[in-house]
Amino acid sequence: MTAFHGAVRDAVSENAVMVLARRGCCMSHVVKRLLHGHGVNPSVFEFEEEEEKDVVKEVEMIVDGKDKRKVQFPAVFIGGRMFGGLDQVMATHISGELIPVLKQAGALWL
């Protein structure tokens, strides 16, 4: 049992947008700023570098084999589902697909 047993799952299920990130990570700062720029106030679950293995185990239990991608941090969950890392958030932002995803998850009311 990890130190985070259930905490990550609860945080993901209770928030429309959840960012899991190493404390002080510049890439998580980029993700949070991009989401804030769209009017989204994501919840953030920060952890220390030495806790990363435990957080990865929690994320793997949440996705339960439904997502074959390797867990990258920052990891973004939208609507309780793994959305991806910074690369996925940026790609959908650039393509214009991010806003509809955020609206569908209830993170935006525009």
Protein backbone atom coordinates (compact mmCIF):
# COMPACT_ATOMS: atom_id res chain seq x y z
CA MET A 1 0.00 0.00 0.00
CA THR A 2 1.41 3.40 -0.97
CA ALA A 3 1.53 6.54 1.12
CA PHE A 4 -1.01 8.02 -1.30
CA HIS A 5 -3.39 5.05 -1.27
CA GLY A 6 -6.69 6.42 -2.50
CA ALA A 7 -5.74 10.10 -2.15
CA VAL A 8 -4.93 10.55 -5.83
CA ARG A 9 -8.03 8.63 -6.93
CA ASP A 10 -10.24 10.74 -4.66
CA ALA A 11 -8.68 13.99 -5.89
CA VAL A 12 -9.13 12.97 -9.54
CA SER A 13 -12.76 11.93 -9.08
CA GLU A 14 -13.72 15.06 -7.12
CA ASN A 15 -12.30 17.68 -9.51
CA ALA A 16 -13.18 18.56 -13.10
CA VAL A 17 -9.50 19.24 -13.85
CA MET A 18 -6.68 17.78 -11.81
CA VAL A 19 -2.97 18.31 -12.37
CA LEU A 20 -0.55 15.86 -10.75
CA ALA A 21 2.92 17.35 -10.61
CA ARG A 22 6.29 17.24 -8.92
CA ARG A 23 6.68 20.16 -6.53
CA GLY A 24 8.51 23.00 -8.30
CA CYS A 25 8.25 21.50 -11.79
CA CYS A 26 8.39 24.20 -14.46
CA MET A 27 6.29 22.12 -16.88
CA SER A 28 3.44 21.93 -14.37
CA HIS A 29 3.63 25.70 -14.10
CA VAL A 30 3.14 25.91 -17.89
CA VAL A 31 0.10 23.60 -17.76
CA LYS A 32 -1.46 25.52 -14.87
CA ARG A 33 -0.90 28.89 -16.61
CA LEU A 34 -2.43 27.63 -19.85
CA LEU A 35 -5.50 26.32 -18.02
CA HIS A 36 -5.82 29.53 -15.99
CA GLY A 37 -5.62 31.47 -19.26
CA HIS A 38 -8.75 29.65 -20.40
CA GLY A 39 -10.54 30.46 -17.16
CA VAL A 40 -10.06 27.03 -15.60
CA ASN A 41 -8.92 26.76 -12.00
CA PRO A 42 -7.39 23.27 -11.88
CA SER A 43 -6.85 21.45 -8.65
CA VAL A 44 -3.22 20.55 -8.17
CA PHE A 45 -1.80 17.52 -6.39
CA GLU A 46 1.90 18.17 -5.81
CA PHE A 47 4.39 15.59 -4.60
CA GLU A 48 8.09 15.37 -3.95
CA GLU A 49 10.42 13.66 -6.43
CA GLU A 50 11.02 10.73 -4.08
CA GLU A 51 7.24 10.11 -3.95
CA GLU A 52 6.88 9.81 -7.73
CA LYS A 53 6.89 5.99 -7.82
CA ASP A 54 3.96 5.88 -5.38
CA VAL A 55 2.02 8.43 -7.41
CA VAL A 56 2.67 6.49 -10.63
CA LYS A 57 1.24 3.36 -8.97
CA GLU A 58 -1.87 5.30 -7.98
CA VAL A 59 -2.31 6.67 -11.50
CA GLU A 60 -1.89 3.20 -12.99
CA MET A 61 -4.65 1.92 -10.69
CA ILE A 62 -6.93 4.78 -11.79
CA VAL A 63 -6.47 4.14 -15.52
CA ASP A 64 -6.57 0.37 -14.86
CA GLY A 65 -5.10 -0.65 -18.21
CA LYS A 66 -7.47 1.60 -20.19
CA ASP A 67 -4.61 3.90 -21.16
CA LYS A 68 -1.44 2.31 -22.49
CA ARG A 69 0.58 5.54 -22.43
CA LYS A 70 3.45 5.86 -19.98
CA VAL A 71 2.56 8.19 -17.10
CA GLN A 72 4.22 11.58 -17.61
CA PHE A 73 4.28 14.44 -15.17
CA PRO A 74 2.62 16.77 -15.08
CA ALA A 75 -0.30 14.40 -15.60
CA VAL A 76 -3.60 16.08 -16.37
CA PHE A 77 -6.97 14.48 -15.66
CA ILE A 78 -10.07 16.06 -17.15
CA GLY A 79 -13.51 14.83 -16.17
CA GLY A 80 -12.00 12.05 -14.07
CA ARG A 81 -10.10 10.56 -17.00
CA MET A 82 -6.42 10.69 -17.87
CA PHE A 83 -6.04 13.38 -20.51
CA GLY A 84 -2.27 13.32 -20.84
CA GLY A 85 0.80 15.37 -20.15
CA LEU A 86 1.95 18.79 -21.25
CA ASP A 87 2.34 17.62 -24.85
CA GLN A 88 -1.32 16.50 -25.07
CA VAL A 89 -2.63 19.66 -23.41
CA MET A 90 -0.59 21.86 -25.76
CA ALA A 91 -1.57 19.88 -28.87
CA THR A 92 -5.29 20.11 -28.10
CA HIS A 93 -4.93 23.80 -27.20
CA ILE A 94 -3.24 24.55 -30.52
CA SER A 95 -5.82 22.55 -32.49
CA GLY A 96 -8.72 24.29 -30.72
CA GLU A 97 -10.01 21.06 -29.18
CA LEU A 98 -9.16 21.87 -25.56
CA ILE A 99 -12.04 24.28 -24.86
CA PRO A 100 -14.77 21.78 -25.89
CA VAL A 101 -13.13 19.08 -23.74
CA LEU A 102 -13.04 21.43 -20.75
CA LYS A 103 -16.67 22.47 -21.30
CA GLN A 104 -17.81 18.86 -21.51
CA ALA A 105 -16.06 18.10 -18.21
CA GLY A 106 -17.81 21.01 -16.50
CA ALA A 107 -14.60 23.00 -16.04
CA LEU A 108 -15.88 25.90 -18.18
CA TRP A 109 -19.34 27.41 -18.40
CA LEU A 110 -18.85 29.68 -21.43
